[in-house]
Amino acid sequence: MICCKITIINKLGLHARAAAKLASAAARFGCKIETGVSENKMIDAKSVMSIMLLAAGKGTTLHFRFDGEDEVKARAHIEKLFADRFGEGE
């Protein structure tokens, strides 16, 4: 299991399009991927609705937990998605 924190740096936070991109990216991997604003309240990162309910804006630090065979690749991919600002450029 890999645990890490990722801070949202894109201007609009986890709005609908970013939430959909995160859920779609997470769904590519077989490992279990959970996220949340607290380690005690984690949600399934493969669910767009659950991600949107986090209402996470710019500057929010999310906790991630990756557990499974491809957890290393999943973490790298998700970190890259956040670093790229979900392809929004700002």
PDB file of N, CA and C in Angstrom:
ATOM      1  N   MET A   1       0.836  -1.179   0.000  1.00  0.00           N
ATOM      2  CA  MET A   1       0.000   0.000   0.000  1.00  0.00           C
ATOM      3  C   MET A   1       0.884   1.246   0.000  1.00  0.00           C
ATOM      4  N   ILE A   2       0.502   2.209  -0.828  1.00  0.00           N
ATOM      5  CA  ILE A   2       1.214   3.487  -0.920  1.00  0.00           C
ATOM      6  C   ILE A   2       0.256   4.580  -0.464  1.00  0.00           C
ATOM      7  N   CYS A   3       0.717   5.428   0.436  1.00  0.00           N
ATOM      8  CA  CYS A   3      -0.049   6.584   0.875  1.00  0.00           C
ATOM      9  C   CYS A   3       0.730   7.844   0.517  1.00  0.00           C
ATOM     10  N   CYS A   4       0.035   8.861   0.045  1.00  0.00           N
ATOM     11  CA  CYS A   4       0.693  10.126  -0.276  1.00  0.00           C
ATOM     12  C   CYS A   4      -0.317  11.259  -0.204  1.00  0.00           C
ATOM     13  N   LYS A   5       0.190  12.471  -0.268  1.00  0.00           N
ATOM     14  CA  LYS A   5      -0.651  13.666  -0.292  1.00  0.00           C
ATOM     15  C   LYS A   5      -0.366  14.419  -1.581  1.00  0.00           C
ATOM     16  N   ILE A   6      -1.420  14.951  -2.188  1.00  0.00           N
ATOM     17  CA  ILE A   6      -1.286  15.750  -3.400  1.00  0.00           C
ATOM     18  C   ILE A   6      -2.115  17.017  -3.219  1.00  0.00           C
ATOM     19  N   THR A   7      -1.497  18.155  -3.491  1.00  0.00           N
ATOM     20  CA  THR A   7      -2.192  19.437  -3.367  1.00  0.00           C
ATOM     21  C   THR A   7      -2.735  19.861  -4.725  1.00  0.00           C
ATOM     22  N   ILE A   8      -3.965  20.294  -4.739  1.00  0.00           N
ATOM     23  CA  ILE A   8      -4.609  20.744  -5.976  1.00  0.00           C
ATOM     24  C   ILE A   8      -4.044  22.114  -6.349  1.00  0.00           C
ATOM     25  N   ILE A   9      -3.491  22.200  -7.553  1.00  0.00           N
ATOM     26  CA  ILE A   9      -2.862  23.451  -7.984  1.00  0.00           C
ATOM     27  C   ILE A   9      -3.589  24.121  -9.151  1.00  0.00           C
ATOM     28  N   ASN A  10      -4.550  23.423  -9.763  1.00  0.00           N
ATOM     29  CA  ASN A  10      -5.256  24.061 -10.875  1.00  0.00           C
ATOM     30  C   ASN A  10      -6.266  25.073 -10.363  1.00  0.00           C
ATOM     31  N   LYS A  11      -6.503  26.079 -11.130  1.00  0.00           N
ATOM     32  CA  LYS A  11      -7.305  27.248 -10.750  1.00  0.00           C
ATOM     33  C   LYS A  11      -8.716  26.906 -10.253  1.00  0.00           C
ATOM     34  N   LEU A  12      -9.377  25.963 -10.889  1.00  0.00           N
ATOM     35  CA  LEU A  12     -10.774  25.659 -10.573  1.00  0.00           C
ATOM     36  C   LEU A  12     -10.967  24.491  -9.606  1.00  0.00           C
ATOM     37  N   GLY A  13      -9.884  23.890  -9.137  1.00  0.00           N
ATOM     38  CA  GLY A  13     -10.013  22.760  -8.216  1.00  0.00           C
ATOM     39  C   GLY A  13     -10.591  21.540  -8.906  1.00  0.00           C
ATOM     40  N   LEU A  14     -11.239  20.694  -8.115  1.00  0.00           N
ATOM     41  CA  LEU A  14     -11.812  19.463  -8.680  1.00  0.00           C
ATOM     42  C   LEU A  14     -13.247  19.710  -9.143  1.00  0.00           C
ATOM     43  N   HIS A  15     -13.397  20.522 -10.166  1.00  0.00           N
ATOM     44  CA  HIS A  15     -14.700  20.764 -10.780  1.00  0.00           C
ATOM     45  C   HIS A  15     -15.088  19.538 -11.604  1.00  0.00           C
ATOM     46  N   ALA A  16     -16.204  19.597 -12.285  1.00  0.00           N
ATOM     47  CA  ALA A  16     -16.742  18.420 -12.982  1.00  0.00           C
ATOM     48  C   ALA A  16     -15.759  17.778 -13.962  1.00  0.00           C
ATOM     49  N   ARG A  17     -15.131  18.576 -14.806  1.00  0.00           N
ATOM     50  CA  ARG A  17     -14.221  18.010 -15.806  1.00  0.00           C
ATOM     51  C   ARG A  17     -12.994  17.376 -15.151  1.00  0.00           C
ATOM     52  N   ALA A  18     -12.419  18.057 -14.163  1.00  0.00           N
ATOM     53  CA  ALA A  18     -11.246  17.514 -13.469  1.00  0.00           C
ATOM     54  C   ALA A  18     -11.611  16.250 -12.695  1.00  0.00           C
ATOM     55  N   ALA A  19     -12.780  16.236 -12.072  1.00  0.00           N
ATOM     56  CA  ALA A  19     -13.237  15.055 -11.336  1.00  0.00           C
ATOM     57  C   ALA A  19     -13.408  13.870 -12.288  1.00  0.00           C
ATOM     58  N   ALA A  20     -13.952  14.137 -13.468  1.00  0.00           N
ATOM     59  CA  ALA A  20     -14.136  13.077 -14.464  1.00  0.00           C
ATOM     60  C   ALA A  20     -12.789  12.548 -14.949  1.00  0.00           C
ATOM     61  N   LYS A  21     -11.827  13.447 -15.143  1.00  0.00           N
ATOM     62  CA  LYS A  21     -10.491  13.011 -15.574  1.00  0.00           C
ATOM     63  C   LYS A  21      -9.811  12.179 -14.500  1.00  0.00           C
ATOM     64  N   LEU A  22      -9.963  12.585 -13.233  1.00  0.00           N
ATOM     65  CA  LEU A  22      -9.364  11.817 -12.138  1.00  0.00           C
ATOM     66  C   LEU A  22      -9.996  10.436 -12.036  1.00  0.00           C
ATOM     67  N   ALA A  23     -11.321  10.364 -12.081  1.00  0.00           N
ATOM     68  CA  ALA A  23     -12.008   9.079 -11.993  1.00  0.00           C
ATOM     69  C   ALA A  23     -11.652   8.181 -13.166  1.00  0.00           C
ATOM     70  N   SER A  24     -11.575   8.756 -14.358  1.00  0.00           N
ATOM     71  CA  SER A  24     -11.215   7.991 -15.553  1.00  0.00           C
ATOM     72  C   SER A  24      -9.788   7.461 -15.456  1.00  0.00           C
ATOM     73  N   ALA A  25      -8.876   8.291 -14.970  1.00  0.00           N
ATOM     74  CA  ALA A  25      -7.477   7.862 -14.805  1.00  0.00           C
ATOM     75  C   ALA A  25      -7.388   6.755 -13.769  1.00  0.00           C
ATOM     76  N   ALA A  26      -8.105   6.903 -12.668  1.00  0.00           N
ATOM     77  CA  ALA A  26      -8.071   5.895 -11.604  1.00  0.00           C
ATOM     78  C   ALA A  26      -8.648   4.567 -12.092  1.00  0.00           C
ATOM     79  N   ALA A  27      -9.680   4.630 -12.935  1.00  0.00           N
ATOM     80  CA  ALA A  27     -10.340   3.422 -13.434  1.00  0.00           C
ATOM     81  C   ALA A  27      -9.441   2.588 -14.350  1.00  0.00           C
ATOM     82  N   ARG A  28      -8.380   3.177 -14.877  1.00  0.00           N
ATOM     83  CA  ARG A  28      -7.451   2.443 -15.749  1.00  0.00           C
ATOM     84  C   ARG A  28      -6.646   1.386 -14.994  1.00  0.00           C
ATOM     85  N   PHE A  29      -6.603   1.529 -13.683  1.00  0.00           N
ATOM     86  CA  PHE A  29      -5.752   0.662 -12.879  1.00  0.00           C
ATOM     87  C   PHE A  29      -6.577  -0.324 -12.064  1.00  0.00           C
ATOM     88  N   GLY A  30      -6.017  -1.493 -11.853  1.00  0.00           N
ATOM     89  CA  GLY A  30      -6.707  -2.536 -11.109  1.00  0.00           C
ATOM     90  C   GLY A  30      -6.641  -2.352  -9.603  1.00  0.00           C
ATOM     91  N   CYS A  31      -5.683  -1.571  -9.148  1.00  0.00           N
ATOM     92  CA  CYS A  31      -5.533  -1.382  -7.712  1.00  0.00           C
ATOM     93  C   CYS A  31      -6.670  -0.525  -7.157  1.00  0.00           C
ATOM     94  N   LYS A  32      -6.865  -0.640  -5.859  1.00  0.00           N
ATOM     95  CA  LYS A  32      -7.854   0.183  -5.172  1.00  0.00           C
ATOM     96  C   LYS A  32      -7.233   1.556  -4.955  1.00  0.00           C
ATOM     97  N   ILE A  33      -7.958   2.607  -5.333  1.00  0.00           N
ATOM     98  CA  ILE A  33      -7.473   3.976  -5.162  1.00  0.00           C
ATOM     99  C   ILE A  33      -8.524   4.748  -4.387  1.00  0.00           C
ATOM    100  N   GLU A  34      -8.093   5.283  -3.250  1.00  0.00           N
ATOM    101  CA  GLU A  34      -8.988   6.071  -2.411  1.00  0.00           C
ATOM    102  C   GLU A  34      -8.386   7.449  -2.201  1.00  0.00           C
ATOM    103  N   THR A  35      -9.245   8.439  -1.989  1.00  0.00           N
ATOM    104  CA  THR A  35      -8.788   9.794  -1.723  1.00  0.00           C
ATOM    105  C   THR A  35      -9.744  10.482  -0.766  1.00  0.00           C
ATOM    106  N   GLY A  36      -9.267  11.560  -0.177  1.00  0.00           N
ATOM    107  CA  GLY A  36     -10.117  12.328   0.723  1.00  0.00           C
ATOM    108  C   GLY A  36      -9.359  13.501   1.313  1.00  0.00           C
ATOM    109  N   VAL A  37     -10.084  14.430   1.913  1.00  0.00           N
ATOM    110  CA  VAL A  37      -9.449  15.581   2.542  1.00  0.00           C
ATOM    111  C   VAL A  37      -8.892  15.202   3.909  1.00  0.00           C
ATOM    112  N   SER A  38      -9.260  14.027   4.393  1.00  0.00           N
ATOM    113  CA  SER A  38      -8.775  13.506   5.661  1.00  0.00           C
ATOM    114  C   SER A  38      -8.500  12.020   5.500  1.00  0.00           C
ATOM    115  N   GLU A  39      -7.503  11.507   6.191  1.00  0.00           N
ATOM    116  CA  GLU A  39      -7.209  10.068   6.116  1.00  0.00           C
ATOM    117  C   GLU A  39      -8.347   9.238   6.707  1.00  0.00           C
ATOM    118  N   ASN A  40      -9.198   9.855   7.510  1.00  0.00           N
ATOM    119  CA  ASN A  40     -10.294   9.144   8.169  1.00  0.00           C
ATOM    120  C   ASN A  40     -11.554   9.065   7.317  1.00  0.00           C
ATOM    121  N   LYS A  41     -11.642   9.901   6.295  1.00  0.00           N
ATOM    122  CA  LYS A  41     -12.817   9.932   5.421  1.00  0.00           C
ATOM    123  C   LYS A  41     -12.376   9.788   3.978  1.00  0.00           C
ATOM    124  N   MET A  42     -12.116   8.577   3.566  1.00  0.00           N
ATOM    125  CA  MET A  42     -11.655   8.316   2.209  1.00  0.00           C
ATOM    126  C   MET A  42     -12.825   7.865   1.337  1.00  0.00           C
ATOM    127  N   ILE A  43     -12.762   8.239   0.064  1.00  0.00           N
ATOM    128  CA  ILE A  43     -13.779   7.839  -0.916  1.00  0.00           C
ATOM    129  C   ILE A  43     -13.098   7.101  -2.073  1.00  0.00           C
ATOM    130  N   ASP A  44     -13.894   6.434  -2.873  1.00  0.00           N
ATOM    131  CA  ASP A  44     -13.398   5.710  -4.044  1.00  0.00           C
ATOM    132  C   ASP A  44     -13.037   6.726  -5.137  1.00  0.00           C
ATOM    133  N   ALA A  45     -11.775   6.770  -5.524  1.00  0.00           N
ATOM    134  CA  ALA A  45     -11.319   7.727  -6.534  1.00  0.00           C
ATOM    135  C   ALA A  45     -11.767   7.348  -7.943  1.00  0.00           C
ATOM    136  N   LYS A  46     -12.455   6.234  -8.077  1.00  0.00           N
ATOM    137  CA  LYS A  46     -12.959   5.824  -9.388  1.00  0.00           C
ATOM    138  C   LYS A  46     -14.399   6.289  -9.594  1.00  0.00           C
ATOM    139  N   SER A  47     -14.951   7.001  -8.611  1.00  0.00           N
ATOM    140  CA  SER A  47     -16.325   7.488  -8.658  1.00  0.00           C
ATOM    141  C   SER A  47     -16.351   9.001  -8.841  1.00  0.00           C
ATOM    142  N   VAL A  48     -16.848   9.458  -9.986  1.00  0.00           N
ATOM    143  CA  VAL A  48     -16.921  10.891 -10.284  1.00  0.00           C
ATOM    144  C   VAL A  48     -17.775  11.615  -9.244  1.00  0.00           C
ATOM    145  N   MET A  49     -18.909  11.057  -8.916  1.00  0.00           N
ATOM    146  CA  MET A  49     -19.811  11.714  -7.960  1.00  0.00           C
ATOM    147  C   MET A  49     -19.156  11.857  -6.588  1.00  0.00           C
ATOM    148  N   SER A  50     -18.485  10.834  -6.137  1.00  0.00           N
ATOM    149  CA  SER A  50     -17.812  10.903  -4.834  1.00  0.00           C
ATOM    150  C   SER A  50     -16.730  11.969  -4.831  1.00  0.00           C
ATOM    151  N   ILE A  51     -15.991  12.074  -5.935  1.00  0.00           N
ATOM    152  CA  ILE A  51     -14.936  13.083  -6.050  1.00  0.00           C
ATOM    153  C   ILE A  51     -15.546  14.482  -6.017  1.00  0.00           C
ATOM    154  N   MET A  52     -16.627  14.680  -6.746  1.00  0.00           N
ATOM    155  CA  MET A  52     -17.255  15.994  -6.784  1.00  0.00           C
ATOM    156  C   MET A  52     -17.792  16.404  -5.413  1.00  0.00           C
ATOM    157  N   LEU A  53     -18.256  15.432  -4.633  1.00  0.00           N
ATOM    158  CA  LEU A  53     -18.786  15.724  -3.306  1.00  0.00           C
ATOM    159  C   LEU A  53     -17.698  16.188  -2.337  1.00  0.00           C
ATOM    160  N   LEU A  54     -16.433  15.978  -2.686  1.00  0.00           N
ATOM    161  CA  LEU A  54     -15.346  16.482  -1.847  1.00  0.00           C
ATOM    162  C   LEU A  54     -15.311  18.014  -1.865  1.00  0.00           C
ATOM    163  N   ALA A  55     -15.833  18.610  -2.949  1.00  0.00           N
ATOM    164  CA  ALA A  55     -15.842  20.061  -3.126  1.00  0.00           C
ATOM    165  C   ALA A  55     -14.462  20.649  -2.843  1.00  0.00           C
ATOM    166  N   ALA A  56     -13.441  20.018  -3.416  1.00  0.00           N
ATOM    167  CA  ALA A  56     -12.046  20.411  -3.170  1.00  0.00           C
ATOM    168  C   ALA A  56     -11.610  21.492  -4.144  1.00  0.00           C
ATOM    169  N   GLY A  57     -11.254  22.639  -3.599  1.00  0.00           N
ATOM    170  CA  GLY A  57     -10.801  23.763  -4.404  1.00  0.00           C
ATOM    171  C   GLY A  57      -9.288  23.844  -4.476  1.00  0.00           C
ATOM    172  N   LYS A  58      -8.821  24.850  -5.184  1.00  0.00           N
ATOM    173  CA  LYS A  58      -7.387  25.085  -5.320  1.00  0.00           C
ATOM    174  C   LYS A  58      -6.764  25.229  -3.924  1.00  0.00           C
ATOM    175  N   GLY A  59      -5.632  24.577  -3.737  1.00  0.00           N
ATOM    176  CA  GLY A  59      -4.920  24.637  -2.465  1.00  0.00           C
ATOM    177  C   GLY A  59      -5.280  23.520  -1.495  1.00  0.00           C
ATOM    178  N   THR A  60      -6.332  22.774  -1.796  1.00  0.00           N
ATOM    179  CA  THR A  60      -6.731  21.656  -0.935  1.00  0.00           C
ATOM    180  C   THR A  60      -5.722  20.520  -1.080  1.00  0.00           C
ATOM    181  N   THR A  61      -5.310  19.952   0.032  1.00  0.00           N
ATOM    182  CA  THR A  61      -4.415  18.791   0.010  1.00  0.00           C
ATOM    183  C   THR A  61      -5.254  17.541   0.191  1.00  0.00           C
ATOM    184  N   LEU A  62      -5.148  16.650  -0.775  1.00  0.00           N
ATOM    185  CA  LEU A  62      -5.875  15.388  -0.726  1.00  0.00           C
ATOM    186  C   LEU A  62      -4.943  14.257  -0.292  1.00  0.00           C
ATOM    187  N   HIS A  63      -5.472  13.371   0.512  1.00  0.00           N
ATOM    188  CA  HIS A  63      -4.752  12.171   0.911  1.00  0.00           C
ATOM    189  C   HIS A  63      -5.126  11.075  -0.087  1.00  0.00           C
ATOM    190  N   PHE A  64      -4.149  10.332  -0.543  1.00  0.00           N
ATOM    191  CA  PHE A  64      -4.388   9.217  -1.459  1.00  0.00           C
ATOM    192  C   PHE A  64      -3.856   7.927  -0.867  1.00  0.00           C
ATOM    193  N   ARG A  65      -4.575   6.845  -1.162  1.00  0.00           N
ATOM    194  CA  ARG A  65      -4.148   5.513  -0.756  1.00  0.00           C
ATOM    195  C   ARG A  65      -4.288   4.601  -1.977  1.00  0.00           C
ATOM    196  N   PHE A  66      -3.184   3.999  -2.387  1.00  0.00           N
ATOM    197  CA  PHE A  66      -3.147   3.088  -3.535  1.00  0.00           C
ATOM    198  C   PHE A  66      -2.836   1.698  -2.991  1.00  0.00           C
ATOM    199  N   ASP A  67      -3.639   0.711  -3.339  1.00  0.00           N
ATOM    200  CA  ASP A  67      -3.414  -0.628  -2.807  1.00  0.00           C
ATOM    201  C   ASP A  67      -3.712  -1.674  -3.874  1.00  0.00           C
ATOM    202  N   GLY A  68      -2.650  -2.325  -4.345  1.00  0.00           N
ATOM    203  CA  GLY A  68      -2.826  -3.365  -5.349  1.00  0.00           C
ATOM    204  C   GLY A  68      -1.591  -3.551  -6.194  1.00  0.00           C
ATOM    205  N   GLU A  69      -1.700  -4.430  -7.144  1.00  0.00           N
ATOM    206  CA  GLU A  69      -0.572  -4.846  -7.976  1.00  0.00           C
ATOM    207  C   GLU A  69       0.077  -3.696  -8.754  1.00  0.00           C
ATOM    208  N   ASP A  70      -0.717  -2.788  -9.291  1.00  0.00           N
ATOM    209  CA  ASP A  70      -0.170  -1.696 -10.111  1.00  0.00           C
ATOM    210  C   ASP A  70      -0.182  -0.348  -9.374  1.00  0.00           C
ATOM    211  N   GLU A  71      -0.061  -0.380  -8.059  1.00  0.00           N
ATOM    212  CA  GLU A  71      -0.141   0.836  -7.246  1.00  0.00           C
ATOM    213  C   GLU A  71       0.941   1.869  -7.559  1.00  0.00           C
ATOM    214  N   VAL A  72       2.139   1.416  -7.902  1.00  0.00           N
ATOM    215  CA  VAL A  72       3.237   2.349  -8.205  1.00  0.00           C
ATOM    216  C   VAL A  72       2.927   3.130  -9.482  1.00  0.00           C
ATOM    217  N   LYS A  73       2.478   2.431 -10.508  1.00  0.00           N
ATOM    218  CA  LYS A  73       2.125   3.090 -11.769  1.00  0.00           C
ATOM    219  C   LYS A  73       0.926   4.013 -11.589  1.00  0.00           C
ATOM    220  N   ALA A  74      -0.036   3.574 -10.800  1.00  0.00           N
ATOM    221  CA  ALA A  74      -1.226   4.386 -10.559  1.00  0.00           C
ATOM    222  C   ALA A  74      -0.863   5.688  -9.855  1.00  0.00           C
ATOM    223  N   ARG A  75      -0.020   5.596  -8.842  1.00  0.00           N
ATOM    224  CA  ARG A  75       0.381   6.806  -8.118  1.00  0.00           C
ATOM    225  C   ARG A  75       1.093   7.785  -9.056  1.00  0.00           C
ATOM    226  N   ALA A  76       2.016   7.278  -9.849  1.00  0.00           N
ATOM    227  CA  ALA A  76       2.764   8.139 -10.769  1.00  0.00           C
ATOM    228  C   ALA A  76       1.821   8.823 -11.758  1.00  0.00           C
ATOM    229  N   HIS A  77       0.860   8.082 -12.267  1.00  0.00           N
ATOM    230  CA  HIS A  77      -0.081   8.632 -13.251  1.00  0.00           C
ATOM    231  C   HIS A  77      -0.955   9.717 -12.622  1.00  0.00           C
ATOM    232  N   ILE A  78      -1.475   9.453 -11.438  1.00  0.00           N
ATOM    233  CA  ILE A  78      -2.345  10.416 -10.750  1.00  0.00           C
ATOM    234  C   ILE A  78      -1.555  11.674 -10.372  1.00  0.00           C
ATOM    235  N   GLU A  79      -0.332  11.504  -9.872  1.00  0.00           N
ATOM    236  CA  GLU A  79       0.502  12.664  -9.529  1.00  0.00           C
ATOM    237  C   GLU A  79       0.778  13.524 -10.758  1.00  0.00           C
ATOM    238  N   LYS A  80       1.014  12.883 -11.897  1.00  0.00           N
ATOM    239  CA  LYS A  80       1.271  13.607 -13.143  1.00  0.00           C
ATOM    240  C   LYS A  80       0.023  14.379 -13.588  1.00  0.00           C
ATOM    241  N   LEU A  81      -1.131  13.775 -13.412  1.00  0.00           N
ATOM    242  CA  LEU A  81      -2.393  14.422 -13.776  1.00  0.00           C
ATOM    243  C   LEU A  81      -2.586  15.717 -12.972  1.00  0.00           C
ATOM    244  N   PHE A  82      -2.314  15.653 -11.677  1.00  0.00           N
ATOM    245  CA  PHE A  82      -2.427  16.851 -10.837  1.00  0.00           C
ATOM    246  C   PHE A  82      -1.364  17.881 -11.209  1.00  0.00           C
ATOM    247  N   ALA A  83      -0.130  17.433 -11.427  1.00  0.00           N
ATOM    248  CA  ALA A  83       0.971  18.348 -11.771  1.00  0.00           C
ATOM    249  C   ALA A  83       0.699  19.053 -13.102  1.00  0.00           C
ATOM    250  N   ASP A  84       0.000  18.380 -13.998  1.00  0.00           N
ATOM    251  CA  ASP A  84      -0.348  18.937 -15.309  1.00  0.00           C
ATOM    252  C   ASP A  84      -1.614  19.802 -15.245  1.00  0.00           C
ATOM    253  N   ARG A  85      -2.135  19.984 -14.033  1.00  0.00           N
ATOM    254  CA  ARG A  85      -3.349  20.786 -13.811  1.00  0.00           C
ATOM    255  C   ARG A  85      -4.535  20.259 -14.629  1.00  0.00           C
ATOM    256  N   PHE A  86      -4.603  18.946 -14.769  1.00  0.00           N
ATOM    257  CA  PHE A  86      -5.683  18.276 -15.491  1.00  0.00           C
ATOM    258  C   PHE A  86      -5.777  18.742 -16.940  1.00  0.00           C
ATOM    259  N   GLY A  87      -4.639  19.197 -17.481  1.00  0.00           N
ATOM    260  CA  GLY A  87      -4.604  19.647 -18.861  1.00  0.00           C
ATOM    261  C   GLY A  87      -5.237  21.016 -19.079  1.00  0.00           C
ATOM    262  N   GLU A  88      -5.469  21.758 -18.007  1.00  0.00           N
ATOM    263  CA  GLU A  88      -6.138  23.062 -18.115  1.00  0.00           C
ATOM    264  C   GLU A  88      -5.169  24.221 -18.332  1.00  0.00           C
ATOM    265  N   GLY A  89      -3.892  24.013 -18.087  1.00  0.00           N
ATOM    266  CA  GLY A  89      -2.907  25.036 -18.369  1.00  0.00           C
ATOM    267  C   GLY A  89      -2.786  26.155 -17.355  1.00  0.00           C
ATOM    268  N   GLU A  90      -3.658  26.222 -16.376  1.00  0.00           N
ATOM    269  CA  GLU A  90      -3.563  27.282 -15.355  1.00  0.00           C
ATOM    270  C   GLU A  90      -3.553  26.691 -13.978  1.00  0.00           C
TER     271      GLU A  90
END
